[in-house]
Amino acid sequence: MSTADRFREAVDNRDLPSLDGLFTEDIRLYSPVKFTPFEGKPMVLGLFGVLLRTFEDFRYVGDHTGTARTSADGTAAPSAVLLFRATVNGKEIHGIDLLHFADDGRIKEFTVMVRPQSAVHALGEAVLAGLVADGLVPAEAPAPTHP
């Protein structure tokens, strides 16, 4: 079974411990709602914990394999594209997960792309709330009020 198949199975089963073995220690995850990537296995696993709680009716609907240049170092790497559908806060999401694999087969880079923009916004809000709730990112300080 390929890494992409094992990843898909772990996501389908909401199995975070299985995801742990599929990621390199220095994995980078590029999100549609954040310019800089999430970096390192602990942060990416924490993010997946939030995502698995946030997505409703998440399902993969297709896949493609090949090679692609990674963002981190620009080298061509084996890759897989997993197409998905889901709902977040009532918004239908169409998306893809682009996985780049290290020489040992583990996932070294992960890019998520979603549409439409209203779904990106709903996803961003839900994920930020989950990251704050799990203590993975600090809560934004409220804007000061003036008397």
Protein backbone atom coordinates (compact mmCIF):
# COMPACT_ATOMS: atom_id res chain seq x y z
CA MET A 1 0.00 0.00 0.00
CA SER A 2 1.41 3.41 -0.96
CA THR A 3 1.96 6.26 1.50
CA ALA A 4 -0.88 8.16 -0.20
CA ASP A 5 -3.20 5.17 0.32
CA ARG A 6 -2.14 4.83 3.98
CA PHE A 7 -2.64 8.59 4.45
CA ARG A 8 -6.09 8.45 2.89
CA GLU A 9 -7.03 5.47 5.08
CA ALA A 10 -5.81 7.25 8.24
CA VAL A 11 -7.85 10.36 7.38
CA ASP A 12 -10.93 8.28 6.52
CA ASN A 13 -10.62 6.56 9.92
CA ARG A 14 -9.75 9.78 11.82
CA ASP A 15 -6.61 7.93 12.99
CA LEU A 16 -4.03 10.52 14.18
CA PRO A 17 -1.52 7.94 15.49
CA SER A 18 -1.27 6.43 11.99
CA LEU A 19 -0.61 9.88 10.51
CA ASP A 20 2.37 10.30 12.85
CA GLY A 21 4.36 7.60 11.08
CA LEU A 22 3.61 9.03 7.63
CA PHE A 23 5.20 12.48 8.19
CA THR A 24 8.87 13.47 8.19
CA GLU A 25 10.03 15.29 11.32
CA ASP A 26 10.45 18.54 9.32
CA ILE A 27 7.18 18.33 7.34
CA ARG A 28 5.82 21.60 5.98
CA LEU A 29 2.09 22.11 5.45
CA TYR A 30 0.94 24.96 3.24
CA SER A 31 -2.57 26.04 4.13
CA PRO A 32 -5.03 28.04 2.01
CA VAL A 33 -5.63 30.38 4.96
CA LYS A 34 -2.07 31.12 6.10
CA PHE A 35 0.82 32.54 4.03
CA THR A 36 3.66 30.83 5.90
CA PRO A 37 3.62 27.04 6.26
CA PHE A 38 2.96 25.07 9.41
CA GLU A 39 6.30 23.43 10.16
CA GLY A 40 7.35 20.31 12.03
CA LYS A 41 5.56 17.10 12.86
CA PRO A 42 4.12 18.22 16.25
CA MET A 43 2.47 21.30 14.73
CA VAL A 44 1.19 19.49 11.65
CA LEU A 45 -0.24 16.63 13.74
CA GLY A 46 -1.92 19.20 15.98
CA LEU A 47 -3.39 20.87 12.91
CA PHE A 48 -4.69 17.54 11.64
CA GLY A 49 -6.37 16.96 14.99
CA VAL A 50 -8.24 20.23 14.48
CA LEU A 51 -9.01 19.50 10.82
CA LEU A 52 -10.42 16.05 11.56
CA ARG A 53 -12.82 17.64 14.06
CA THR A 54 -13.67 20.61 11.81
CA PHE A 55 -14.54 18.96 8.49
CA GLU A 56 -18.03 17.52 8.22
CA ASP A 57 -18.75 14.77 5.68
CA PHE A 58 -15.10 14.72 4.54
CA ARG A 59 -14.46 12.31 1.68
CA TYR A 60 -11.81 11.76 -0.96
CA VAL A 61 -13.28 11.57 -4.46
CA GLY A 62 -10.23 10.98 -6.67
CA ASP A 63 -6.46 10.87 -6.91
CA HIS A 64 -3.56 11.42 -9.31
CA THR A 65 0.11 10.49 -8.91
CA GLY A 66 3.30 11.71 -10.54
CA THR A 67 6.07 14.14 -9.69
CA ALA A 68 6.11 17.82 -8.83
CA ARG A 69 8.61 20.41 -7.66
CA THR A 70 8.43 21.08 -3.95
CA SER A 71 8.14 24.56 -2.49
CA ALA A 72 10.84 23.98 0.12
CA ASP A 73 13.79 23.18 -2.13
CA GLY A 74 12.47 23.15 -5.69
CA THR A 75 13.51 19.56 -6.36
CA ALA A 76 11.21 17.19 -8.22
CA ALA A 77 9.71 14.63 -5.86
CA PRO A 78 7.20 11.83 -6.16
CA SER A 79 3.79 13.27 -5.39
CA ALA A 80 0.10 12.50 -5.14
CA VAL A 81 -2.95 14.72 -5.49
CA LEU A 82 -6.02 13.67 -3.51
CA LEU A 83 -9.28 15.38 -4.46
CA PHE A 84 -11.80 15.87 -1.66
CA ARG A 85 -15.19 17.25 -0.77
CA ALA A 86 -16.34 18.35 2.68
CA THR A 87 -18.54 20.79 4.56
CA VAL A 88 -17.47 23.37 7.14
CA ASN A 89 -20.07 25.43 8.98
CA GLY A 90 -22.60 24.73 6.23
CA LYS A 91 -20.23 25.67 3.39
CA GLU A 92 -19.49 23.06 0.71
CA ILE A 93 -15.76 22.76 0.04
CA HIS A 94 -14.02 21.34 -3.01
CA GLY A 95 -10.32 20.80 -2.49
CA ILE A 96 -7.09 19.00 -3.17
CA ASP A 97 -4.31 17.74 -0.97
CA LEU A 98 -0.92 17.76 -2.74
CA LEU A 99 1.52 15.40 -1.03
CA HIS A 100 5.27 15.41 -1.78
CA PHE A 101 7.24 12.38 -0.62
CA ALA A 102 10.74 12.11 0.84
CA ASP A 103 13.18 9.45 -0.34
CA ASP A 104 11.95 7.11 2.42
CA GLY A 105 8.33 7.47 1.23
CA ARG A 106 7.10 9.64 4.10
CA ILE A 107 5.28 12.92 3.43
CA LYS A 108 7.71 15.86 3.54
CA GLU A 109 5.48 18.60 2.15
CA PHE A 110 1.73 18.98 2.06
CA THR A 111 -0.26 21.67 0.28
CA VAL A 112 -4.01 22.14 0.70
CA MET A 113 -6.05 24.11 -1.83
CA VAL A 114 -9.78 24.74 -1.47
CA ARG A 115 -12.55 26.62 -3.21
CA PRO A 116 -14.78 28.66 -3.19
CA GLN A 117 -13.53 31.71 -1.33
CA SER A 118 -16.49 31.69 1.07
CA ALA A 119 -15.50 28.15 2.07
CA VAL A 120 -11.86 29.21 2.54
CA HIS A 121 -13.06 31.93 4.92
CA ALA A 122 -15.30 29.52 6.88
CA LEU A 123 -12.48 26.98 7.07
CA GLY A 124 -9.97 29.60 8.25
CA GLU A 125 -12.23 30.77 11.07
CA ALA A 126 -13.04 27.23 12.22
CA VAL A 127 -9.42 26.06 12.11
CA LEU A 128 -8.13 29.14 13.95
CA ALA A 129 -10.69 28.59 16.71
CA GLY A 130 -9.59 24.94 16.98
CA LEU A 131 -5.88 25.83 17.05
CA VAL A 132 -6.50 28.40 19.81
CA ALA A 133 -8.67 25.94 21.76
CA ASP A 134 -5.93 23.29 21.55
CA GLY A 135 -3.25 25.80 22.64
CA LEU A 136 -1.34 25.51 19.35
CA VAL A 137 -1.51 29.23 18.60
CA PRO A 138 -2.14 32.18 20.91
CA ALA A 139 -5.52 33.88 20.92
CA GLU A 140 -5.56 37.25 19.22
CA ALA A 141 -5.65 40.08 21.70
CA PRO A 142 -8.97 41.94 21.52
CA ALA A 143 -8.87 45.37 19.94
CA PRO A 144 -8.62 48.12 22.55
CA THR A 145 -11.78 50.03 23.27
CA HIS A 146 -11.86 53.72 23.99
CA PRO A 147 -14.22 55.24 26.51
